[in-house]
Amino acid sequence: MNQISPEIVTIGAGNARIKCVTPQRVEYFDETGQQCFVDLKECARNRVKDVQSWRVEDGARERDFRLVAKCSFQDDSPCFEFMNNRDTRFEFDSLEGAQTLKSLLAKARWLVLSAF
């Protein structure tokens, strides 16, 4: 099975920046200035598939299906890994930028797993 390399976007490098977060997606510009987006519903669907592959008889909690990304705030380069088909990873040069994204996702009613 071929593993696709994740799409890595370094927010703050070149033209890379987050444009907005909506309940449907995270819109951003990559380093070259090309407008892109992460489909948050796609992330949630992928999470559901993952949960269904390991859940036990008592089932998963509803909150498991609103989880769209994993984040790390523990090292010098905070990051988010979205659960979309492209495995988009946002890397930040500051903790503030990562915390802002986490807050915006929460306002849009999505959950982020603080991990790894």
PDB file of N, CA and C in Angstrom:
ATOM      1  N   MET A   1       0.844  -1.186   0.000  1.00  0.00           N
ATOM      2  CA  MET A   1       0.000   0.000   0.000  1.00  0.00           C
ATOM      3  C   MET A   1       0.884   1.242   0.000  1.00  0.00           C
ATOM      4  N   ASN A   2       0.615   2.145  -0.907  1.00  0.00           N
ATOM      5  CA  ASN A   2       1.405   3.371  -0.992  1.00  0.00           C
ATOM      6  C   ASN A   2       0.888   4.399  -0.011  1.00  0.00           C
ATOM      7  N   GLN A   3       1.784   4.974   0.748  1.00  0.00           N
ATOM      8  CA  GLN A   3       1.431   6.031   1.684  1.00  0.00           C
ATOM      9  C   GLN A   3       1.677   7.364   0.999  1.00  0.00           C
ATOM     10  N   ILE A   4       0.655   8.199   0.904  1.00  0.00           N
ATOM     11  CA  ILE A   4       0.794   9.514   0.299  1.00  0.00           C
ATOM     12  C   ILE A   4       1.454  10.445   1.300  1.00  0.00           C
ATOM     13  N   SER A   5       2.391  11.246   0.813  1.00  0.00           N
ATOM     14  CA  SER A   5       3.049  12.215   1.685  1.00  0.00           C
ATOM     15  C   SER A   5       2.047  13.276   2.111  1.00  0.00           C
ATOM     16  N   PRO A   6       2.132  13.707   3.351  1.00  0.00           N
ATOM     17  CA  PRO A   6       1.207  14.755   3.795  1.00  0.00           C
ATOM     18  C   PRO A   6       1.487  16.074   3.084  1.00  0.00           C
ATOM     19  N   GLU A   7       0.450  16.878   2.967  1.00  0.00           N
ATOM     20  CA  GLU A   7       0.588  18.230   2.439  1.00  0.00           C
ATOM     21  C   GLU A   7       0.992  19.112   3.611  1.00  0.00           C
ATOM     22  N   ILE A   8       2.176  19.689   3.566  1.00  0.00           N
ATOM     23  CA  ILE A   8       2.669  20.514   4.673  1.00  0.00           C
ATOM     24  C   ILE A   8       2.639  21.976   4.262  1.00  0.00           C
ATOM     25  N   VAL A   9       1.980  22.790   5.086  1.00  0.00           N
ATOM     26  CA  VAL A   9       1.881  24.231   4.851  1.00  0.00           C
ATOM     27  C   VAL A   9       2.454  24.926   6.077  1.00  0.00           C
ATOM     28  N   THR A  10       3.482  25.714   5.876  1.00  0.00           N
ATOM     29  CA  THR A  10       4.082  26.458   6.982  1.00  0.00           C
ATOM     30  C   THR A  10       3.443  27.838   7.023  1.00  0.00           C
ATOM     31  N   ILE A  11       2.498  27.980   7.955  1.00  0.00           N
ATOM     32  CA  ILE A  11       1.765  29.244   8.079  1.00  0.00           C
ATOM     33  C   ILE A  11       2.745  30.345   8.499  1.00  0.00           C
ATOM     34  N   GLY A  12       2.759  31.427   7.732  1.00  0.00           N
ATOM     35  CA  GLY A  12       3.674  32.532   8.005  1.00  0.00           C
ATOM     36  C   GLY A  12       4.877  32.541   7.073  1.00  0.00           C
ATOM     37  N   ALA A  13       5.103  31.437   6.348  1.00  0.00           N
ATOM     38  CA  ALA A  13       6.217  31.380   5.390  1.00  0.00           C
ATOM     39  C   ALA A  13       5.707  31.802   4.012  1.00  0.00           C
ATOM     40  N   GLY A  14       6.446  32.667   3.358  1.00  0.00           N
ATOM     41  CA  GLY A  14       6.001  33.144   2.054  1.00  0.00           C
ATOM     42  C   GLY A  14       4.633  33.798   2.182  1.00  0.00           C
ATOM     43  N   ASN A  15       3.710  33.365   1.356  1.00  0.00           N
ATOM     44  CA  ASN A  15       2.350  33.910   1.387  1.00  0.00           C
ATOM     45  C   ASN A  15       1.380  33.065   2.199  1.00  0.00           C
ATOM     46  N   ALA A  16       1.876  32.047   2.884  1.00  0.00           N
ATOM     47  CA  ALA A  16       0.992  31.116   3.600  1.00  0.00           C
ATOM     48  C   ALA A  16       0.327  31.795   4.802  1.00  0.00           C
ATOM     49  N   ARG A  17      -0.997  31.728   4.794  1.00  0.00           N
ATOM     50  CA  ARG A  17      -1.768  32.269   5.902  1.00  0.00           C
ATOM     51  C   ARG A  17      -3.168  31.675   5.869  1.00  0.00           C
ATOM     52  N   ILE A  18      -3.834  31.705   7.007  1.00  0.00           N
ATOM     53  CA  ILE A  18      -5.206  31.235   7.099  1.00  0.00           C
ATOM     54  C   ILE A  18      -6.112  32.405   6.765  1.00  0.00           C
ATOM     55  N   LYS A  19      -7.013  32.187   5.822  1.00  0.00           N
ATOM     56  CA  LYS A  19      -7.951  33.230   5.409  1.00  0.00           C
ATOM     57  C   LYS A  19      -9.150  33.262   6.345  1.00  0.00           C
ATOM     58  N   CYS A  20      -9.801  32.106   6.558  1.00  0.00           N
ATOM     59  CA  CYS A  20     -10.955  32.052   7.450  1.00  0.00           C
ATOM     60  C   CYS A  20     -11.286  30.603   7.805  1.00  0.00           C
ATOM     61  N   VAL A  21     -12.064  30.465   8.870  1.00  0.00           N
ATOM     62  CA  VAL A  21     -12.568  29.162   9.302  1.00  0.00           C
ATOM     63  C   VAL A  21     -14.077  29.271   9.352  1.00  0.00           C
ATOM     64  N   THR A  22     -14.750  28.367   8.641  1.00  0.00           N
ATOM     65  CA  THR A  22     -16.210  28.314   8.638  1.00  0.00           C
ATOM     66  C   THR A  22     -16.629  26.933   9.147  1.00  0.00           C
ATOM     67  N   PRO A  23     -17.907  26.720   9.368  1.00  0.00           N
ATOM     68  CA  PRO A  23     -18.332  25.373   9.779  1.00  0.00           C
ATOM     69  C   PRO A  23     -18.034  24.303   8.722  1.00  0.00           C
ATOM     70  N   GLN A  24     -17.819  24.709   7.475  1.00  0.00           N
ATOM     71  CA  GLN A  24     -17.557  23.748   6.412  1.00  0.00           C
ATOM     72  C   GLN A  24     -16.075  23.530   6.125  1.00  0.00           C
ATOM     73  N   ARG A  25     -15.255  24.581   6.303  1.00  0.00           N
ATOM     74  CA  ARG A  25     -13.861  24.437   5.876  1.00  0.00           C
ATOM     75  C   ARG A  25     -12.928  25.489   6.470  1.00  0.00           C
ATOM     76  N   VAL A  26     -11.640  25.205   6.329  1.00  0.00           N
ATOM     77  CA  VAL A  26     -10.584  26.157   6.654  1.00  0.00           C
ATOM     78  C   VAL A  26     -10.018  26.619   5.321  1.00  0.00           C
ATOM     79  N   GLU A  27     -10.165  27.897   5.035  1.00  0.00           N
ATOM     80  CA  GLU A  27      -9.618  28.453   3.796  1.00  0.00           C
ATOM     81  C   GLU A  27      -8.264  29.067   4.110  1.00  0.00           C
ATOM     82  N   TYR A  28      -7.303  28.820   3.219  1.00  0.00           N
ATOM     83  CA  TYR A  28      -5.952  29.328   3.449  1.00  0.00           C
ATOM     84  C   TYR A  28      -5.237  29.569   2.139  1.00  0.00           C
ATOM     85  N   PHE A  29      -4.145  30.302   2.220  1.00  0.00           N
ATOM     86  CA  PHE A  29      -3.247  30.495   1.095  1.00  0.00           C
ATOM     87  C   PHE A  29      -1.987  29.699   1.398  1.00  0.00           C
ATOM     88  N   ASP A  30      -1.491  28.958   0.407  1.00  0.00           N
ATOM     89  CA  ASP A  30      -0.242  28.224   0.623  1.00  0.00           C
ATOM     90  C   ASP A  30       0.948  29.162   0.433  1.00  0.00           C
ATOM     91  N   GLU A  31       2.150  28.630   0.521  1.00  0.00           N
ATOM     92  CA  GLU A  31       3.359  29.454   0.447  1.00  0.00           C
ATOM     93  C   GLU A  31       3.479  30.225  -0.861  1.00  0.00           C
ATOM     94  N   THR A  32       2.901  29.682  -1.941  1.00  0.00           N
ATOM     95  CA  THR A  32       2.979  30.351  -3.244  1.00  0.00           C
ATOM     96  C   THR A  32       1.855  31.352  -3.461  1.00  0.00           C
ATOM     97  N   GLY A  33       0.924  31.436  -2.514  1.00  0.00           N
ATOM     98  CA  GLY A  33      -0.190  32.360  -2.628  1.00  0.00           C
ATOM     99  C   GLY A  33      -1.436  31.742  -3.246  1.00  0.00           C
ATOM    100  N   GLN A  34      -1.390  30.448  -3.551  1.00  0.00           N
ATOM    101  CA  GLN A  34      -2.555  29.770  -4.116  1.00  0.00           C
ATOM    102  C   GLN A  34      -3.601  29.552  -3.027  1.00  0.00           C
ATOM    103  N   GLN A  35      -4.862  29.908  -3.339  1.00  0.00           N
ATOM    104  CA  GLN A  35      -5.928  29.722  -2.368  1.00  0.00           C
ATOM    105  C   GLN A  35      -6.332  28.246  -2.335  1.00  0.00           C
ATOM    106  N   CYS A  36      -6.431  27.692  -1.120  1.00  0.00           N
ATOM    107  CA  CYS A  36      -6.757  26.286  -0.904  1.00  0.00           C
ATOM    108  C   CYS A  36      -7.741  26.192   0.258  1.00  0.00           C
ATOM    109  N   PHE A  37      -8.212  24.966   0.527  1.00  0.00           N
ATOM    110  CA  PHE A  37      -9.059  24.777   1.698  1.00  0.00           C
ATOM    111  C   PHE A  37      -8.968  23.346   2.194  1.00  0.00           C
ATOM    112  N   VAL A  38      -9.289  23.182   3.474  1.00  0.00           N
ATOM    113  CA  VAL A  38      -9.446  21.875   4.104  1.00  0.00           C
ATOM    114  C   VAL A  38     -10.938  21.703   4.337  1.00  0.00           C
ATOM    115  N   ASP A  39     -11.512  20.640   3.798  1.00  0.00           N
ATOM    116  CA  ASP A  39     -12.930  20.328   3.959  1.00  0.00           C
ATOM    117  C   ASP A  39     -13.113  19.646   5.314  1.00  0.00           C
ATOM    118  N   LEU A  40     -13.701  20.357   6.268  1.00  0.00           N
ATOM    119  CA  LEU A  40     -13.835  19.826   7.624  1.00  0.00           C
ATOM    120  C   LEU A  40     -14.828  18.679   7.699  1.00  0.00           C
ATOM    121  N   LYS A  41     -15.833  18.676   6.842  1.00  0.00           N
ATOM    122  CA  LYS A  41     -16.772  17.551   6.823  1.00  0.00           C
ATOM    123  C   LYS A  41     -16.080  16.286   6.299  1.00  0.00           C
ATOM    124  N   GLU A  42     -15.167  16.446   5.361  1.00  0.00           N
ATOM    125  CA  GLU A  42     -14.362  15.306   4.895  1.00  0.00           C
ATOM    126  C   GLU A  42     -13.522  14.758   6.051  1.00  0.00           C
ATOM    127  N   CYS A  43     -12.940  15.660   6.835  1.00  0.00           N
ATOM    128  CA  CYS A  43     -12.154  15.243   8.004  1.00  0.00           C
ATOM    129  C   CYS A  43     -13.029  14.441   8.970  1.00  0.00           C
ATOM    130  N   ALA A  44     -14.234  14.939   9.218  1.00  0.00           N
ATOM    131  CA  ALA A  44     -15.141  14.255  10.137  1.00  0.00           C
ATOM    132  C   ALA A  44     -15.546  12.889   9.590  1.00  0.00           C
ATOM    133  N   ARG A  45     -15.816  12.805   8.276  1.00  0.00           N
ATOM    134  CA  ARG A  45     -16.163  11.508   7.667  1.00  0.00           C
ATOM    135  C   ARG A  45     -15.017  10.522   7.819  1.00  0.00           C
ATOM    136  N   ASN A  46     -13.803  10.987   7.602  1.00  0.00           N
ATOM    137  CA  ASN A  46     -12.640  10.107   7.764  1.00  0.00           C
ATOM    138  C   ASN A  46     -12.498   9.659   9.206  1.00  0.00           C
ATOM    139  N   ARG A  47     -12.808  10.546  10.131  1.00  0.00           N
ATOM    140  CA  ARG A  47     -12.765  10.190  11.554  1.00  0.00           C
ATOM    141  C   ARG A  47     -13.815   9.123  11.864  1.00  0.00           C
ATOM    142  N   VAL A  48     -15.008   9.265  11.290  1.00  0.00           N
ATOM    143  CA  VAL A  48     -16.063   8.273  11.507  1.00  0.00           C
ATOM    144  C   VAL A  48     -15.600   6.907  11.015  1.00  0.00           C
ATOM    145  N   LYS A  49     -14.996   6.856   9.838  1.00  0.00           N
ATOM    146  CA  LYS A  49     -14.480   5.581   9.310  1.00  0.00           C
ATOM    147  C   LYS A  49     -13.453   4.988  10.260  1.00  0.00           C
ATOM    148  N   ASP A  50     -12.579   5.849  10.791  1.00  0.00           N
ATOM    149  CA  ASP A  50     -11.552   5.388  11.723  1.00  0.00           C
ATOM    150  C   ASP A  50     -12.187   4.841  12.996  1.00  0.00           C
ATOM    151  N   VAL A  51     -13.146   5.564  13.542  1.00  0.00           N
ATOM    152  CA  VAL A  51     -13.817   5.136  14.772  1.00  0.00           C
ATOM    153  C   VAL A  51     -14.554   3.824  14.535  1.00  0.00           C
ATOM    154  N   GLN A  52     -15.227   3.706  13.406  1.00  0.00           N
ATOM    155  CA  GLN A  52     -15.977   2.485  13.117  1.00  0.00           C
ATOM    156  C   GLN A  52     -15.062   1.277  12.995  1.00  0.00           C
ATOM    157  N   SER A  53     -13.818   1.501  12.635  1.00  0.00           N
ATOM    158  CA  SER A  53     -12.894   0.380  12.500  1.00  0.00           C
ATOM    159  C   SER A  53     -12.410  -0.147  13.848  1.00  0.00           C
ATOM    160  N   TRP A  54     -12.536   0.647  14.914  1.00  0.00           N
ATOM    161  CA  TRP A  54     -12.047   0.186  16.223  1.00  0.00           C
ATOM    162  C   TRP A  54     -13.074   0.230  17.344  1.00  0.00           C
ATOM    163  N   ARG A  55     -14.237   0.817  17.113  1.00  0.00           N
ATOM    164  CA  ARG A  55     -15.178   0.986  18.224  1.00  0.00           C
ATOM    165  C   ARG A  55     -15.720  -0.359  18.732  1.00  0.00           C
ATOM    166  N   VAL A  56     -16.057  -0.355  19.976  1.00  0.00           N
ATOM    167  CA  VAL A  56     -16.573  -1.559  20.626  1.00  0.00           C
ATOM    168  C   VAL A  56     -18.095  -1.510  20.662  1.00  0.00           C
ATOM    169  N   GLU A  57     -18.695  -2.555  21.181  1.00  0.00           N
ATOM    170  CA  GLU A  57     -20.144  -2.698  21.182  1.00  0.00           C
ATOM    171  C   GLU A  57     -20.886  -1.502  21.772  1.00  0.00           C
ATOM    172  N   ASP A  58     -20.335  -0.865  22.784  1.00  0.00           N
ATOM    173  CA  ASP A  58     -21.058   0.248  23.398  1.00  0.00           C
ATOM    174  C   ASP A  58     -21.041   1.497  22.520  1.00  0.00           C
ATOM    175  N   GLY A  59     -20.292   1.484  21.434  1.00  0.00           N
ATOM    176  CA  GLY A  59     -20.309   2.579  20.468  1.00  0.00           C
ATOM    177  C   GLY A  59     -19.434   3.744  20.866  1.00  0.00           C
ATOM    178  N   ALA A  60     -19.269   4.616  19.916  1.00  0.00           N
ATOM    179  CA  ALA A  60     -18.459   5.806  20.138  1.00  0.00           C
ATOM    180  C   ALA A  60     -19.356   6.957  20.598  1.00  0.00           C
ATOM    181  N   ARG A  61     -18.762   7.878  21.290  1.00  0.00           N
ATOM    182  CA  ARG A  61     -19.505   9.060  21.727  1.00  0.00           C
ATOM    183  C   ARG A  61     -19.700  10.016  20.547  1.00  0.00           C
ATOM    184  N   GLU A  62     -20.762  10.777  20.600  1.00  0.00           N
ATOM    185  CA  GLU A  62     -21.059  11.734  19.530  1.00  0.00           C
ATOM    186  C   GLU A  62     -19.889  12.689  19.299  1.00  0.00           C
ATOM    187  N   ARG A  63     -19.202  13.098  20.350  1.00  0.00           N
ATOM    188  CA  ARG A  63     -18.096  14.051  20.198  1.00  0.00           C
ATOM    189  C   ARG A  63     -16.972  13.496  19.342  1.00  0.00           C
ATOM    190  N   ASP A  64     -16.848  12.164  19.274  1.00  0.00           N
ATOM    191  CA  ASP A  64     -15.818  11.567  18.432  1.00  0.00           C
ATOM    192  C   ASP A  64     -16.012  11.928  16.964  1.00  0.00           C
ATOM    193  N   PHE A  65     -17.252  12.246  16.573  1.00  0.00           N
ATOM    194  CA  PHE A  65     -17.547  12.527  15.178  1.00  0.00           C
ATOM    195  C   PHE A  65     -17.414  14.000  14.820  1.00  0.00           C
ATOM    196  N   ARG A  66     -17.028  14.824  15.778  1.00  0.00           N
ATOM    197  CA  ARG A  66     -16.757  16.238  15.501  1.00  0.00           C
ATOM    198  C   ARG A  66     -15.261  16.519  15.533  1.00  0.00           C
ATOM    199  N   LEU A  67     -14.466  15.486  15.702  1.00  0.00           N
ATOM    200  CA  LEU A  67     -13.013  15.630  15.757  1.00  0.00           C
ATOM    201  C   LEU A  67     -12.455  15.711  14.338  1.00  0.00           C
ATOM    202  N   VAL A  68     -11.728  16.775  14.021  1.00  0.00           N
ATOM    203  CA  VAL A  68     -11.258  16.980  12.648  1.00  0.00           C
ATOM    204  C   VAL A  68      -9.745  17.070  12.521  1.00  0.00           C
ATOM    205  N   ALA A  69      -9.036  17.206  13.643  1.00  0.00           N
ATOM    206  CA  ALA A  69      -7.592  17.385  13.557  1.00  0.00           C
ATOM    207  C   ALA A  69      -6.923  16.993  14.872  1.00  0.00           C
ATOM    208  N   LYS A  70      -5.618  16.772  14.772  1.00  0.00           N
ATOM    209  CA  LYS A  70      -4.773  16.586  15.955  1.00  0.00           C
ATOM    210  C   LYS A  70      -3.835  17.781  15.994  1.00  0.00           C
ATOM    211  N   CYS A  71      -3.485  18.201  17.190  1.00  0.00           N
ATOM    212  CA  CYS A  71      -2.549  19.315  17.282  1.00  0.00           C
ATOM    213  C   CYS A  71      -1.497  19.043  18.339  1.00  0.00           C
ATOM    214  N   SER A  72      -0.388  19.721  18.186  1.00  0.00           N
ATOM    215  CA  SER A  72       0.691  19.635  19.155  1.00  0.00           C
ATOM    216  C   SER A  72       1.144  21.039  19.502  1.00  0.00           C
ATOM    217  N   PHE A  73       1.185  21.330  20.789  1.00  0.00           N
ATOM    218  CA  PHE A  73       1.674  22.626  21.260  1.00  0.00           C
ATOM    219  C   PHE A  73       2.939  22.440  22.096  1.00  0.00           C
ATOM    220  N   GLN A  74       3.541  21.250  22.060  1.00  0.00           N
ATOM    221  CA  GLN A  74       4.589  20.921  23.014  1.00  0.00           C
ATOM    222  C   GLN A  74       6.005  21.253  22.578  1.00  0.00           C
ATOM    223  N   ASP A  75       6.229  21.461  21.313  1.00  0.00           N
ATOM    224  CA  ASP A  75       7.606  21.711  20.901  1.00  0.00           C
ATOM    225  C   ASP A  75       7.751  23.107  20.301  1.00  0.00           C
ATOM    226  N   ASP A  76       8.870  23.328  19.638  1.00  0.00           N
ATOM    227  CA  ASP A  76       9.148  24.655  19.087  1.00  0.00           C
ATOM    228  C   ASP A  76       8.339  24.975  17.839  1.00  0.00           C
ATOM    229  N   SER A  77       7.706  23.968  17.247  1.00  0.00           N
ATOM    230  CA  SER A  77       6.903  24.229  16.050  1.00  0.00           C
ATOM    231  C   SER A  77       5.522  23.614  16.204  1.00  0.00           C
ATOM    232  N   PRO A  78       4.587  24.376  16.785  1.00  0.00           N
ATOM    233  CA  PRO A  78       3.229  23.869  16.949  1.00  0.00           C
ATOM    234  C   PRO A  78       2.635  23.517  15.589  1.00  0.00           C
ATOM    235  N   CYS A  79       1.780  22.497  15.563  1.00  0.00           N
ATOM    236  CA  CYS A  79       1.219  22.069  14.290  1.00  0.00           C
ATOM    237  C   CYS A  79      -0.176  21.473  14.459  1.00  0.00           C
ATOM    238  N   PHE A  80      -0.887  21.409  13.350  1.00  0.00           N
ATOM    239  CA  PHE A  80      -2.190  20.756  13.246  1.00  0.00           C
ATOM    240  C   PHE A  80      -2.105  19.741  12.126  1.00  0.00           C
ATOM    241  N   GLU A  81      -2.604  18.554  12.351  1.00  0.00           N
ATOM    242  CA  GLU A  81      -2.723  17.545  11.307  1.00  0.00           C
ATOM    243  C   GLU A  81      -4.203  17.280  11.094  1.00  0.00           C
ATOM    244  N   PHE A  82      -4.704  17.677   9.942  1.00  0.00           N
ATOM    245  CA  PHE A  82      -6.111  17.464   9.625  1.00  0.00           C
ATOM    246  C   PHE A  82      -6.312  16.044   9.122  1.00  0.00           C
ATOM    247  N   MET A  83      -7.513  15.531   9.311  1.00  0.00           N
ATOM    248  CA  MET A  83      -7.845  14.156   8.936  1.00  0.00           C
ATOM    249  C   MET A  83      -8.503  14.111   7.559  1.00  0.00           C
ATOM    250  N   ASN A  84      -8.047  14.987   6.669  1.00  0.00           N
ATOM    251  CA  ASN A  84      -8.593  14.989   5.315  1.00  0.00           C
ATOM    252  C   ASN A  84      -7.807  14.003   4.443  1.00  0.00           C
ATOM    253  N   ASN A  85      -8.255  13.816   3.211  1.00  0.00           N
ATOM    254  CA  ASN A  85      -7.612  12.846   2.318  1.00  0.00           C
ATOM    255  C   ASN A  85      -6.182  13.242   1.962  1.00  0.00           C
ATOM    256  N   ARG A  86      -5.867  14.530   1.982  1.00  0.00           N
ATOM    257  CA  ARG A  86      -4.511  14.997   1.658  1.00  0.00           C
ATOM    258  C   ARG A  86      -3.591  15.004   2.878  1.00  0.00           C
ATOM    259  N   ASP A  87      -4.135  14.671   4.056  1.00  0.00           N
ATOM    260  CA  ASP A  87      -3.349  14.719   5.303  1.00  0.00           C
ATOM    261  C   ASP A  87      -2.656  16.068   5.456  1.00  0.00           C
ATOM    262  N   THR A  88      -3.428  17.129   5.330  1.00  0.00           N
ATOM    263  CA  THR A  88      -2.877  18.482   5.415  1.00  0.00           C
ATOM    264  C   THR A  88      -2.343  18.747   6.813  1.00  0.00           C
ATOM    265  N   ARG A  89      -1.144  19.279   6.855  1.00  0.00           N
ATOM    266  CA  ARG A  89      -0.496  19.618   8.127  1.00  0.00           C
ATOM    267  C   ARG A  89      -0.132  21.097   8.081  1.00  0.00           C
ATOM    268  N   PHE A  90      -0.637  21.854   9.053  1.00  0.00           N
ATOM    269  CA  PHE A  90      -0.252  23.253   9.208  1.00  0.00           C
ATOM    270  C   PHE A  90       0.833  23.317  10.270  1.00  0.00           C
ATOM    271  N   GLU A  91       1.951  23.927   9.936  1.00  0.00           N
ATOM    272  CA  GLU A  91       3.022  24.167  10.909  1.00  0.00           C
ATOM    273  C   GLU A  91       3.072  25.665  11.165  1.00  0.00           C
ATOM    274  N   PHE A  92       3.257  26.028  12.413  1.00  0.00           N
ATOM    275  CA  PHE A  92       3.246  27.432  12.826  1.00  0.00           C
ATOM    276  C   PHE A  92       4.594  27.809  13.416  1.00  0.00           C
ATOM    277  N   ASP A  93       4.964  29.076  13.246  1.00  0.00           N
ATOM    278  CA  ASP A  93       6.206  29.547  13.858  1.00  0.00           C
ATOM    279  C   ASP A  93       5.962  30.111  15.245  1.00  0.00           C
ATOM    280  N   SER A  94       4.679  30.171  15.645  1.00  0.00           N
ATOM    281  CA  SER A  94       4.377  30.667  16.991  1.00  0.00           C
ATOM    282  C   SER A  94       3.210  29.895  17.589  1.00  0.00           C
ATOM    283  N   LEU A  95       3.220  29.820  18.885  1.00  0.00           N
ATOM    284  CA  LEU A  95       2.136  29.172  19.609  1.00  0.00           C
ATOM    285  C   LEU A  95       0.821  29.935  19.434  1.00  0.00           C
ATOM    286  N   GLU A  96       0.904  31.257  19.345  1.00  0.00           N
ATOM    287  CA  GLU A  96      -0.286  32.097  19.192  1.00  0.00           C
ATOM    288  C   GLU A  96      -1.103  31.727  17.964  1.00  0.00           C
ATOM    289  N   GLY A  97      -0.420  31.529  16.842  1.00  0.00           N
ATOM    290  CA  GLY A  97      -1.121  31.178  15.607  1.00  0.00           C
ATOM    291  C   GLY A  97      -1.867  29.868  15.734  1.00  0.00           C
ATOM    292  N   ALA A  98      -1.249  28.881  16.342  1.00  0.00           N
ATOM    293  CA  ALA A  98      -1.876  27.573  16.528  1.00  0.00           C
ATOM    294  C   ALA A  98      -3.062  27.673  17.491  1.00  0.00           C
ATOM    295  N   GLN A  99      -2.904  28.426  18.554  1.00  0.00           N
ATOM    296  CA  GLN A  99      -3.995  28.585  19.510  1.00  0.00           C
ATOM    297  C   GLN A  99      -5.178  29.329  18.881  1.00  0.00           C
ATOM    298  N   THR A 100      -4.894  30.290  18.023  1.00  0.00           N
ATOM    299  CA  THR A 100      -5.957  31.017  17.325  1.00  0.00           C
ATOM    300  C   THR A 100      -6.742  30.066  16.434  1.00  0.00           C
ATOM    301  N   LEU A 101      -6.048  29.192  15.689  1.00  0.00           N
ATOM    302  CA  LEU A 101      -6.744  28.231  14.840  1.00  0.00           C
ATOM    303  C   LEU A 101      -7.609  27.295  15.672  1.00  0.00           C
ATOM    304  N   LYS A 102      -7.087  26.834  16.789  1.00  0.00           N
ATOM    305  CA  LYS A 102      -7.874  25.940  17.654  1.00  0.00           C
ATOM    306  C   LYS A 102      -9.140  26.649  18.138  1.00  0.00           C
ATOM    307  N   SER A 103      -9.039  27.911  18.512  1.00  0.00           N
ATOM    308  CA  SER A 103     -10.207  28.691  18.960  1.00  0.00           C
ATOM    309  C   SER A 103     -11.223  28.877  17.836  1.00  0.00           C
ATOM    310  N   LEU A 104     -10.738  29.159  16.632  1.00  0.00           N
ATOM    311  CA  LEU A 104     -11.640  29.349  15.490  1.00  0.00           C
ATOM    312  C   LEU A 104     -12.371  28.052  15.147  1.00  0.00           C
ATOM    313  N   LEU A 105     -11.678  26.922  15.236  1.00  0.00           N
ATOM    314  CA  LEU A 105     -12.333  25.632  14.988  1.00  0.00           C
ATOM    315  C   LEU A 105     -13.388  25.350  16.054  1.00  0.00           C
ATOM    316  N   ALA A 106     -13.087  25.708  17.296  1.00  0.00           N
ATOM    317  CA  ALA A 106     -14.062  25.511  18.379  1.00  0.00           C
ATOM    318  C   ALA A 106     -15.305  26.372  18.153  1.00  0.00           C
ATOM    319  N   LYS A 107     -15.127  27.607  17.709  1.00  0.00           N
ATOM    320  CA  LYS A 107     -16.270  28.476  17.414  1.00  0.00           C
ATOM    321  C   LYS A 107     -17.130  27.892  16.298  1.00  0.00           C
ATOM    322  N   ALA A 108     -16.495  27.163  15.372  1.00  0.00           N
ATOM    323  CA  ALA A 108     -17.225  26.526  14.283  1.00  0.00           C
ATOM    324  C   ALA A 108     -17.776  25.159  14.702  1.00  0.00           C
ATOM    325  N   ARG A 109     -17.619  24.818  15.995  1.00  0.00           N
ATOM    326  CA  ARG A 109     -18.164  23.597  16.610  1.00  0.00           C
ATOM    327  C   ARG A 109     -17.415  22.313  16.217  1.00  0.00           C
ATOM    328  N   TRP A 110     -16.115  22.438  15.946  1.00  0.00           N
ATOM    329  CA  TRP A 110     -15.283  21.272  15.666  1.00  0.00           C
ATOM    330  C   TRP A 110     -14.329  21.044  16.819  1.00  0.00           C
ATOM    331  N   LEU A 111     -13.909  19.824  16.997  1.00  0.00           N
ATOM    332  CA  LEU A 111     -12.985  19.458  18.068  1.00  0.00           C
ATOM    333  C   LEU A 111     -11.611  19.157  17.508  1.00  0.00           C
ATOM    334  N   VAL A 112     -10.611  19.414  18.323  1.00  0.00           N
ATOM    335  CA  VAL A 112      -9.218  19.123  17.989  1.00  0.00           C
ATOM    336  C   VAL A 112      -8.632  18.307  19.115  1.00  0.00           C
ATOM    337  N   LEU A 113      -7.943  17.240  18.782  1.00  0.00           N
ATOM    338  CA  LEU A 113      -7.297  16.398  19.781  1.00  0.00           C
ATOM    339  C   LEU A 113      -5.902  16.952  20.049  1.00  0.00           C
ATOM    340  N   SER A 114      -5.666  17.398  21.256  1.00  0.00           N
ATOM    341  CA  SER A 114      -4.321  17.866  21.616  1.00  0.00           C
ATOM    342  C   SER A 114      -3.500  16.626  21.948  1.00  0.00           C
ATOM    343  N   ALA A 115      -2.539  16.335  21.109  1.00  0.00           N
ATOM    344  CA  ALA A 115      -1.790  15.084  21.252  1.00  0.00           C
ATOM    345  C   ALA A 115      -0.423  15.188  20.610  1.00  0.00           C
ATOM    346  N   PHE A 116       0.223  14.076  20.584  1.00  0.00           N
ATOM    347  CA  PHE A 116       1.540  13.762  20.012  1.00  0.00           C
ATOM    348  C   PHE A 116       2.527  14.802  20.234  1.00  0.00           C
TER     349      PHE A 116
END
